[in-house]
Amino acid sequence: MNDAMSLGVHRLWKDRFMQVLDPLPGTRLLDVAGGTGDIAFRFINWIKEKELQQKKASPGAEFRLNPLETDDSESAPDLEFPSAEDYLYSEQREDTTGTDDRKDSKVIICDINQSMLEVGKERAKKLGLEDDVVWVTGNAEELPFPDNSVDAYTIAFGIRNVTHIEKVLCEAYRVLTPGGRFLCLEFSQVSNPLLSSVYDLYSFQVIPVLGELIASDWKSYQYLVESIRKFPNQEEFAEMIREAGFRMVSYENLTSGVAAIHSGFKI
């Protein structure tokens, strides 16, 4: 359905999202509302490619986890993921530690929807990535993780659906290490008046129809269109991120603002 609705462009947006994050080996990623694995799987493949480049360029070279980290920065707790006592809902979590050589690189998917996590697990098995991901059922507004425990926090097309955006942003700030990065991909507002009119016509007249034809679900896709219009615009959302404590906040429009990537650092 995502391919039909966006004509496949959502894949390019997610690829760009990972390019902006540009994670390095050793990065601990928390992907929230990412049950199907789209972002996490891109992260794993990105890390593998980085490691190959590292080995070719300079065997034994070390990478910093993020561009703001200094030698005297507060370090993250030496967590061993997964560990049952580290998480709430541990009885619903699949215990997978991985046996590859990615050292301390971790990827945790946290989603409140258990059904989406099951979809992601099946996809991971088909891709041979089932041992690379920790799956956690949890609420973005009350994350079951310690303070200062991950280096990167991503959320793609999920924050628009939460009840309290401010709480989600504060939780993201809490679990990130000093120097850690928050990155959000979300539908946004088209600024060009002409394009905006065309986009509105497509959104309200075409997307619900596609939802009915492909997924037999008019209401969900009608809600999607309406929720996009209610979500804060780029500048408003950037200000919310700043108010949560993040610095160096910026955003990048994709497809003239149909979607946007917002970025912020915990300093």
C-alpha atoms as a PDB file:
ATOM      1  CA  MET A   1       0.000   0.000   0.000  1.00  0.00           C
ATOM      2  CA  ASN A   2       2.848   2.410   0.806  1.00  0.00           C
ATOM      3  CA  ASP A   3       4.286   1.844  -2.653  1.00  0.00           C
ATOM      4  CA  ALA A   4       0.965   2.539  -4.340  1.00  0.00           C
ATOM      5  CA  MET A   5       0.211   5.595  -2.214  1.00  0.00           C
ATOM      6  CA  SER A   6       3.630   7.230  -2.642  1.00  0.00           C
ATOM      7  CA  LEU A   7       4.489   5.733  -6.051  1.00  0.00           C
ATOM      8  CA  GLY A   8       7.471   4.106  -4.355  1.00  0.00           C
ATOM      9  CA  VAL A   9       8.955   7.410  -3.197  1.00  0.00           C
ATOM     10  CA  HIS A  10       8.765   6.395   0.474  1.00  0.00           C
ATOM     11  CA  ARG A  11      11.676   4.020  -0.161  1.00  0.00           C
ATOM     12  CA  LEU A  12      13.814   6.903  -1.382  1.00  0.00           C
ATOM     13  CA  TRP A  13      12.810   8.962   1.654  1.00  0.00           C
ATOM     14  CA  LYS A  14      13.918   6.157   3.989  1.00  0.00           C
ATOM     15  CA  ASP A  15      17.187   5.737   2.102  1.00  0.00           C
ATOM     16  CA  ARG A  16      17.824   9.462   2.478  1.00  0.00           C
ATOM     17  CA  PHE A  17      16.918   9.199   6.157  1.00  0.00           C
ATOM     18  CA  MET A  18      19.718   6.682   6.676  1.00  0.00           C
ATOM     19  CA  GLN A  19      22.134   8.817   4.672  1.00  0.00           C
ATOM     20  CA  VAL A  20      21.438  11.749   6.984  1.00  0.00           C
ATOM     21  CA  LEU A  21      21.926   9.579  10.071  1.00  0.00           C
ATOM     22  CA  ASP A  22      25.151   8.137   8.612  1.00  0.00           C
ATOM     23  CA  PRO A  23      25.756   5.765  11.566  1.00  0.00           C
ATOM     24  CA  LEU A  24      29.197   4.386  12.337  1.00  0.00           C
ATOM     25  CA  PRO A  25      30.202   0.950  13.650  1.00  0.00           C
ATOM     26  CA  GLY A  26      29.591   0.850  17.385  1.00  0.00           C
ATOM     27  CA  THR A  27      26.414   2.927  17.220  1.00  0.00           C
ATOM     28  CA  ARG A  28      23.548   1.810  19.431  1.00  0.00           C
ATOM     29  CA  LEU A  29      20.289   2.577  17.644  1.00  0.00           C
ATOM     30  CA  LEU A  30      16.796   2.708  19.080  1.00  0.00           C
ATOM     31  CA  ASP A  31      14.170   2.720  16.336  1.00  0.00           C
ATOM     32  CA  VAL A  32      10.769   3.632  17.771  1.00  0.00           C
ATOM     33  CA  ALA A  33       7.473   2.765  16.078  1.00  0.00           C
ATOM     34  CA  GLY A  34       9.532   0.768  13.604  1.00  0.00           C
ATOM     35  CA  GLY A  35       7.952  -2.646  14.039  1.00  0.00           C
ATOM     36  CA  THR A  36       8.150  -3.640  10.380  1.00  0.00           C
ATOM     37  CA  GLY A  37      11.931  -3.101  10.368  1.00  0.00           C
ATOM     38  CA  ASP A  38      12.271  -0.718   7.426  1.00  0.00           C
ATOM     39  CA  ILE A  39      14.699   1.601   9.213  1.00  0.00           C
ATOM     40  CA  ALA A  40      16.435  -1.002  11.371  1.00  0.00           C
ATOM     41  CA  PHE A  41      17.275  -3.210   8.394  1.00  0.00           C
ATOM     42  CA  ARG A  42      18.697  -0.237   6.536  1.00  0.00           C
ATOM     43  CA  PHE A  43      20.793   0.554   9.618  1.00  0.00           C
ATOM     44  CA  ILE A  44      22.205  -2.982   9.775  1.00  0.00           C
ATOM     45  CA  ASN A  45      23.137  -2.977   6.102  1.00  0.00           C
ATOM     46  CA  TRP A  46      24.644   0.503   6.431  1.00  0.00           C
ATOM     47  CA  ILE A  47      26.847  -0.647   9.339  1.00  0.00           C
ATOM     48  CA  LYS A  48      27.988  -3.698   7.389  1.00  0.00           C
ATOM     49  CA  GLU A  49      29.020  -1.484   4.480  1.00  0.00           C
ATOM     50  CA  LYS A  50      30.846   0.906   6.821  1.00  0.00           C
ATOM     51  CA  GLU A  51      32.755  -1.990   8.335  1.00  0.00           C
ATOM     52  CA  LEU A  52      33.832  -3.187   4.921  1.00  0.00           C
ATOM     53  CA  GLN A  53      35.050   0.313   4.099  1.00  0.00           C
ATOM     54  CA  GLN A  54      36.866   0.484   7.442  1.00  0.00           C
ATOM     55  CA  LYS A  55      38.659  -2.803   6.868  1.00  0.00           C
ATOM     56  CA  LYS A  56      39.717  -1.810   3.367  1.00  0.00           C
ATOM     57  CA  ALA A  57      40.868   1.678   4.320  1.00  0.00           C
ATOM     58  CA  SER A  58      42.628   1.068   7.612  1.00  0.00           C
ATOM     59  CA  PRO A  59      42.408  -2.254   9.434  1.00  0.00           C
ATOM     60  CA  GLY A  60      42.068  -1.737  13.165  1.00  0.00           C
ATOM     61  CA  ALA A  61      40.979   1.910  12.889  1.00  0.00           C
ATOM     62  CA  GLU A  62      38.410   3.119  15.411  1.00  0.00           C
ATOM     63  CA  PHE A  63      35.354   5.265  14.717  1.00  0.00           C
ATOM     64  CA  ARG A  64      33.641   7.662  17.082  1.00  0.00           C
ATOM     65  CA  LEU A  65      29.987   6.894  17.726  1.00  0.00           C
ATOM     66  CA  ASN A  66      28.831  10.389  16.814  1.00  0.00           C
ATOM     67  CA  PRO A  67      30.373  13.638  15.535  1.00  0.00           C
ATOM     68  CA  LEU A  68      29.884  15.459  18.856  1.00  0.00           C
ATOM     69  CA  GLU A  69      31.529  12.903  21.107  1.00  0.00           C
ATOM     70  CA  THR A  70      34.743  13.936  22.828  1.00  0.00           C
ATOM     71  CA  ASP A  71      37.144  11.978  24.976  1.00  0.00           C
ATOM     72  CA  ASP A  72      35.715  13.454  28.171  1.00  0.00           C
ATOM     73  CA  SER A  73      32.057  13.046  27.204  1.00  0.00           C
ATOM     74  CA  GLU A  74      29.833  11.158  29.617  1.00  0.00           C
ATOM     75  CA  SER A  75      29.850   7.605  28.354  1.00  0.00           C
ATOM     76  CA  ALA A  76      26.796   5.436  27.974  1.00  0.00           C
ATOM     77  CA  PRO A  77      26.238   2.591  30.432  1.00  0.00           C
ATOM     78  CA  ASP A  78      27.914  -0.623  29.341  1.00  0.00           C
ATOM     79  CA  LEU A  79      24.631  -2.333  28.526  1.00  0.00           C
ATOM     80  CA  GLU A  80      24.401  -5.858  27.232  1.00  0.00           C
ATOM     81  CA  PHE A  81      21.434  -5.993  24.880  1.00  0.00           C
ATOM     82  CA  PRO A  82      19.262  -7.912  25.307  1.00  0.00           C
ATOM     83  CA  SER A  83      18.916  -8.417  29.056  1.00  0.00           C
ATOM     84  CA  ALA A  84      15.549  -9.194  30.603  1.00  0.00           C
ATOM     85  CA  GLU A  85      16.011  -6.867  33.564  1.00  0.00           C
ATOM     86  CA  ASP A  86      16.768  -3.937  31.242  1.00  0.00           C
ATOM     87  CA  TYR A  87      13.281  -3.864  29.762  1.00  0.00           C
ATOM     88  CA  LEU A  88       9.662  -3.814  30.653  1.00  0.00           C
ATOM     89  CA  TYR A  89       7.472  -6.247  28.766  1.00  0.00           C
ATOM     90  CA  SER A  90      10.402  -8.668  28.720  1.00  0.00           C
ATOM     91  CA  GLU A  91       8.067 -11.646  28.371  1.00  0.00           C
ATOM     92  CA  GLN A  92       7.082 -10.327  24.927  1.00  0.00           C
ATOM     93  CA  ARG A  93      10.651  -9.740  23.765  1.00  0.00           C
ATOM     94  CA  GLU A  94      12.619 -12.115  21.603  1.00  0.00           C
ATOM     95  CA  ASP A  95      16.056 -12.744  23.095  1.00  0.00           C
ATOM     96  CA  THR A  96      18.534 -12.403  20.237  1.00  0.00           C
ATOM     97  CA  THR A  97      22.098 -11.258  20.794  1.00  0.00           C
ATOM     98  CA  GLY A  98      23.726 -11.888  17.456  1.00  0.00           C
ATOM     99  CA  THR A  99      27.057 -13.575  16.863  1.00  0.00           C
ATOM    100  CA  ASP A 100      28.635 -11.420  14.168  1.00  0.00           C
ATOM    101  CA  ASP A 101      31.653  -9.127  14.507  1.00  0.00           C
ATOM    102  CA  ARG A 102      29.861  -5.794  14.720  1.00  0.00           C
ATOM    103  CA  LYS A 103      31.347  -5.294  18.201  1.00  0.00           C
ATOM    104  CA  ASP A 104      29.030  -2.986  20.184  1.00  0.00           C
ATOM    105  CA  SER A 105      26.651  -2.046  17.389  1.00  0.00           C
ATOM    106  CA  LYS A 106      23.084  -2.634  18.555  1.00  0.00           C
ATOM    107  CA  VAL A 107      19.703  -2.088  17.000  1.00  0.00           C
ATOM    108  CA  ILE A 108      16.573  -2.150  19.117  1.00  0.00           C
ATOM    109  CA  ILE A 109      13.097  -1.863  17.649  1.00  0.00           C
ATOM    110  CA  CYS A 110      10.468  -0.600  20.067  1.00  0.00           C
ATOM    111  CA  ASP A 111       6.839  -0.568  18.970  1.00  0.00           C
ATOM    112  CA  ILE A 112       3.582  -0.471  20.905  1.00  0.00           C
ATOM    113  CA  ASN A 113       1.924  -2.656  18.262  1.00  0.00           C
ATOM    114  CA  GLN A 114       2.796  -6.313  18.779  1.00  0.00           C
ATOM    115  CA  SER A 115       1.336  -7.220  15.383  1.00  0.00           C
ATOM    116  CA  MET A 116       3.788  -4.912  13.635  1.00  0.00           C
ATOM    117  CA  LEU A 117       6.657  -6.453  15.575  1.00  0.00           C
ATOM    118  CA  GLU A 118       5.581  -9.895  14.383  1.00  0.00           C
ATOM    119  CA  VAL A 119       5.608  -8.636  10.794  1.00  0.00           C
ATOM    120  CA  GLY A 120       9.109  -7.287  11.335  1.00  0.00           C
ATOM    121  CA  LYS A 121      10.348 -10.537  12.837  1.00  0.00           C
ATOM    122  CA  GLU A 122       9.101 -12.493   9.829  1.00  0.00           C
ATOM    123  CA  ARG A 123      10.786 -10.056   7.465  1.00  0.00           C
ATOM    124  CA  ALA A 124      14.010 -10.299   9.487  1.00  0.00           C
ATOM    125  CA  LYS A 125      13.998 -14.091   9.175  1.00  0.00           C
ATOM    126  CA  LYS A 126      13.554 -13.897   5.421  1.00  0.00           C
ATOM    127  CA  LEU A 127      16.447 -11.426   5.189  1.00  0.00           C
ATOM    128  CA  GLY A 128      18.675 -13.429   7.524  1.00  0.00           C
ATOM    129  CA  LEU A 129      18.723 -10.616  10.079  1.00  0.00           C
ATOM    130  CA  GLU A 130      16.803 -12.244  12.930  1.00  0.00           C
ATOM    131  CA  ASP A 131      19.922 -12.310  15.155  1.00  0.00           C
ATOM    132  CA  ASP A 132      20.691  -8.629  14.603  1.00  0.00           C
ATOM    133  CA  VAL A 133      17.664  -7.038  16.240  1.00  0.00           C
ATOM    134  CA  VAL A 134      16.211  -6.804  19.744  1.00  0.00           C
ATOM    135  CA  TRP A 135      12.406  -6.538  19.619  1.00  0.00           C
ATOM    136  CA  VAL A 136      10.655  -4.690  22.436  1.00  0.00           C
ATOM    137  CA  THR A 137       6.970  -3.963  22.942  1.00  0.00           C
ATOM    138  CA  GLY A 138       6.799  -0.519  24.488  1.00  0.00           C
ATOM    139  CA  ASN A 139       5.201   2.904  24.532  1.00  0.00           C
ATOM    140  CA  ALA A 140       7.117   5.798  22.963  1.00  0.00           C
ATOM    141  CA  GLU A 141       5.802   8.048  25.735  1.00  0.00           C
ATOM    142  CA  GLU A 142       7.253   5.798  28.469  1.00  0.00           C
ATOM    143  CA  LEU A 143      10.250   3.986  27.012  1.00  0.00           C
ATOM    144  CA  PRO A 144      11.448   0.919  28.964  1.00  0.00           C
ATOM    145  CA  PHE A 145      15.127   1.872  28.672  1.00  0.00           C
ATOM    146  CA  PRO A 146      17.664   3.516  31.011  1.00  0.00           C
ATOM    147  CA  ASP A 147      18.838   7.112  30.729  1.00  0.00           C
ATOM    148  CA  ASN A 148      21.772   7.771  28.377  1.00  0.00           C
ATOM    149  CA  SER A 149      21.598   4.299  26.848  1.00  0.00           C
ATOM    150  CA  VAL A 150      21.520   4.745  23.046  1.00  0.00           C
ATOM    151  CA  ASP A 151      23.530   6.817  20.592  1.00  0.00           C
ATOM    152  CA  ALA A 152      20.823   7.352  17.988  1.00  0.00           C
ATOM    153  CA  TYR A 153      17.039   7.512  18.188  1.00  0.00           C
ATOM    154  CA  THR A 154      14.990   7.206  15.010  1.00  0.00           C
ATOM    155  CA  ILE A 155      11.268   7.363  14.404  1.00  0.00           C
ATOM    156  CA  ALA A 156       9.811   7.196  10.898  1.00  0.00           C
ATOM    157  CA  PHE A 157       6.137   7.908  10.207  1.00  0.00           C
ATOM    158  CA  GLY A 158       5.262   7.198  13.826  1.00  0.00           C
ATOM    159  CA  ILE A 159       5.326  10.387  15.871  1.00  0.00           C
ATOM    160  CA  ARG A 160       2.275  11.756  14.049  1.00  0.00           C
ATOM    161  CA  ASN A 161       0.175   9.020  15.659  1.00  0.00           C
ATOM    162  CA  VAL A 162       1.179   9.421  19.302  1.00  0.00           C
ATOM    163  CA  THR A 163      -1.078  11.045  21.887  1.00  0.00           C
ATOM    164  CA  HIS A 164       1.500  13.429  23.345  1.00  0.00           C
ATOM    165  CA  ILE A 165       4.306  14.474  21.001  1.00  0.00           C
ATOM    166  CA  GLU A 166       6.043  16.416  23.779  1.00  0.00           C
ATOM    167  CA  LYS A 167       6.340  13.298  25.945  1.00  0.00           C
ATOM    168  CA  VAL A 168       7.822  11.311  23.065  1.00  0.00           C
ATOM    169  CA  LEU A 169      10.446  13.985  22.437  1.00  0.00           C
ATOM    170  CA  CYS A 170      11.350  14.181  26.128  1.00  0.00           C
ATOM    171  CA  GLU A 171      11.721  10.410  26.286  1.00  0.00           C
ATOM    172  CA  ALA A 172      13.946  10.483  23.211  1.00  0.00           C
ATOM    173  CA  TYR A 173      16.124  13.075  24.916  1.00  0.00           C
ATOM    174  CA  ARG A 174      16.278  11.028  28.131  1.00  0.00           C
ATOM    175  CA  VAL A 175      17.489   7.765  26.577  1.00  0.00           C
ATOM    176  CA  LEU A 176      20.053   9.357  24.263  1.00  0.00           C
ATOM    177  CA  THR A 177      23.670   9.656  25.348  1.00  0.00           C
ATOM    178  CA  PRO A 178      25.245  13.131  25.438  1.00  0.00           C
ATOM    179  CA  GLY A 179      26.061  13.876  21.810  1.00  0.00           C
ATOM    180  CA  GLY A 180      23.394  11.416  20.669  1.00  0.00           C
ATOM    181  CA  ARG A 181      21.151  12.216  17.743  1.00  0.00           C
ATOM    182  CA  PHE A 182      17.391  12.334  17.327  1.00  0.00           C
ATOM    183  CA  LEU A 183      16.147  11.837  13.781  1.00  0.00           C
ATOM    184  CA  CYS A 184      12.516  11.865  12.668  1.00  0.00           C
ATOM    185  CA  LEU A 185      10.993  11.192   9.252  1.00  0.00           C
ATOM    186  CA  GLU A 186       7.391  12.296   8.978  1.00  0.00           C
ATOM    187  CA  PHE A 187       4.803  13.586   6.537  1.00  0.00           C
ATOM    188  CA  SER A 188       4.818  17.363   6.606  1.00  0.00           C
ATOM    189  CA  GLN A 189       3.431  20.479   4.932  1.00  0.00           C
ATOM    190  CA  VAL A 190       3.930  21.436   1.295  1.00  0.00           C
ATOM    191  CA  SER A 191       4.811  25.134   1.107  1.00  0.00           C
ATOM    192  CA  ASN A 192       4.380  25.712  -2.629  1.00  0.00           C
ATOM    193  CA  PRO A 193       0.727  26.867  -3.103  1.00  0.00           C
ATOM    194  CA  LEU A 194       0.291  25.274  -6.539  1.00  0.00           C
ATOM    195  CA  LEU A 195       1.832  21.961  -5.525  1.00  0.00           C
ATOM    196  CA  SER A 196      -0.076  22.072  -2.248  1.00  0.00           C
ATOM    197  CA  SER A 197      -3.395  22.252  -4.106  1.00  0.00           C
ATOM    198  CA  VAL A 198      -2.485  19.260  -6.268  1.00  0.00           C
ATOM    199  CA  TYR A 199      -1.266  17.351  -3.226  1.00  0.00           C
ATOM    200  CA  ASP A 200      -4.475  18.076  -1.311  1.00  0.00           C
ATOM    201  CA  LEU A 201      -6.551  16.837  -4.236  1.00  0.00           C
ATOM    202  CA  TYR A 202      -4.492  13.646  -4.452  1.00  0.00           C
ATOM    203  CA  SER A 203      -4.581  13.139  -0.679  1.00  0.00           C
ATOM    204  CA  PHE A 204      -8.307  13.530  -0.128  1.00  0.00           C
ATOM    205  CA  GLN A 205      -9.618  12.145  -3.402  1.00  0.00           C
ATOM    206  CA  VAL A 206      -7.132   9.405  -4.315  1.00  0.00           C
ATOM    207  CA  ILE A 207      -5.453   8.008  -1.198  1.00  0.00           C
ATOM    208  CA  PRO A 208      -8.672   6.849   0.559  1.00  0.00           C
ATOM    209  CA  VAL A 209      -9.819   5.232  -2.673  1.00  0.00           C
ATOM    210  CA  LEU A 210      -6.499   3.379  -2.964  1.00  0.00           C
ATOM    211  CA  GLY A 211      -6.903   2.294   0.634  1.00  0.00           C
ATOM    212  CA  GLU A 212     -10.294   0.807  -0.143  1.00  0.00           C
ATOM    213  CA  LEU A 213      -9.188  -0.874  -3.378  1.00  0.00           C
ATOM    214  CA  ILE A 214      -5.904  -2.325  -2.134  1.00  0.00           C
ATOM    215  CA  ALA A 215      -6.438  -2.804   1.601  1.00  0.00           C
ATOM    216  CA  SER A 216     -10.249  -2.671   1.892  1.00  0.00           C
ATOM    217  CA  ASP A 217      -9.734   0.075   4.458  1.00  0.00           C
ATOM    218  CA  TRP A 218     -11.097   3.516   3.567  1.00  0.00           C
ATOM    219  CA  LYS A 219     -11.213   4.811   7.145  1.00  0.00           C
ATOM    220  CA  SER A 220      -7.551   4.230   8.014  1.00  0.00           C
ATOM    221  CA  TYR A 221      -6.324   6.078   4.969  1.00  0.00           C
ATOM    222  CA  GLN A 222      -8.816   8.869   5.452  1.00  0.00           C
ATOM    223  CA  TYR A 223      -7.394   9.190   8.971  1.00  0.00           C
ATOM    224  CA  LEU A 224      -3.871   9.205   7.527  1.00  0.00           C
ATOM    225  CA  VAL A 225      -4.668  12.185   5.315  1.00  0.00           C
ATOM    226  CA  GLU A 226      -6.392  14.074   8.103  1.00  0.00           C
ATOM    227  CA  SER A 227      -3.626  13.369  10.636  1.00  0.00           C
ATOM    228  CA  ILE A 228      -1.010  14.736   8.240  1.00  0.00           C
ATOM    229  CA  ARG A 229      -2.886  18.023   8.019  1.00  0.00           C
ATOM    230  CA  LYS A 230      -3.135  18.260  11.818  1.00  0.00           C
ATOM    231  CA  PHE A 231       0.558  17.569  12.424  1.00  0.00           C
ATOM    232  CA  PRO A 232       2.726  20.642  13.190  1.00  0.00           C
ATOM    233  CA  ASN A 233       4.454  22.180  10.190  1.00  0.00           C
ATOM    234  CA  GLN A 234       8.220  22.019   9.794  1.00  0.00           C
ATOM    235  CA  GLU A 235       9.051  25.117  11.851  1.00  0.00           C
ATOM    236  CA  GLU A 236       6.549  24.305  14.585  1.00  0.00           C
ATOM    237  CA  PHE A 237       7.858  20.773  14.969  1.00  0.00           C
ATOM    238  CA  ALA A 238      11.454  22.010  15.001  1.00  0.00           C
ATOM    239  CA  GLU A 239      10.549  24.339  17.872  1.00  0.00           C
ATOM    240  CA  MET A 240       8.975  21.438  19.786  1.00  0.00           C
ATOM    241  CA  ILE A 241      12.221  19.510  19.404  1.00  0.00           C
ATOM    242  CA  ARG A 242      14.177  22.471  20.790  1.00  0.00           C
ATOM    243  CA  GLU A 243      11.787  22.763  23.723  1.00  0.00           C
ATOM    244  CA  ALA A 244      12.493  19.120  24.587  1.00  0.00           C
ATOM    245  CA  GLY A 245      16.143  20.075  25.100  1.00  0.00           C
ATOM    246  CA  PHE A 246      17.722  19.284  21.740  1.00  0.00           C
ATOM    247  CA  ARG A 247      20.233  21.603  20.095  1.00  0.00           C
ATOM    248  CA  MET A 248      21.485  22.052  16.521  1.00  0.00           C
ATOM    249  CA  VAL A 249      17.924  21.373  15.361  1.00  0.00           C
ATOM    250  CA  SER A 250      17.373  21.371  11.621  1.00  0.00           C
ATOM    251  CA  TYR A 251      15.116  19.869   9.006  1.00  0.00           C
ATOM    252  CA  GLU A 252      15.260  18.842   5.366  1.00  0.00           C
ATOM    253  CA  ASN A 253      12.220  18.839   3.113  1.00  0.00           C
ATOM    254  CA  LEU A 254      11.665  15.826   0.879  1.00  0.00           C
ATOM    255  CA  THR A 255       9.584  16.041  -2.291  1.00  0.00           C
ATOM    256  CA  SER A 256       8.847  19.728  -1.683  1.00  0.00           C
ATOM    257  CA  GLY A 257       7.750  19.139   1.887  1.00  0.00           C
ATOM    258  CA  VAL A 258       5.470  16.149   1.404  1.00  0.00           C
ATOM    259  CA  ALA A 259       7.761  14.639   4.023  1.00  0.00           C
ATOM    260  CA  ALA A 260      10.563  16.080   6.132  1.00  0.00           C
ATOM    261  CA  ILE A 261      13.522  14.847   8.143  1.00  0.00           C
ATOM    262  CA  HIS A 262      14.017  16.621  11.470  1.00  0.00           C
ATOM    263  CA  SER A 263      17.308  16.312  13.333  1.00  0.00           C
ATOM    264  CA  GLY A 264      18.507  17.331  16.780  1.00  0.00           C
ATOM    265  CA  PHE A 265      21.405  16.552  19.118  1.00  0.00           C
ATOM    266  CA  LYS A 266      21.531  16.040  22.869  1.00  0.00           C
ATOM    267  CA  ILE A 267      24.342  18.323  24.007  1.00  0.00           C
END
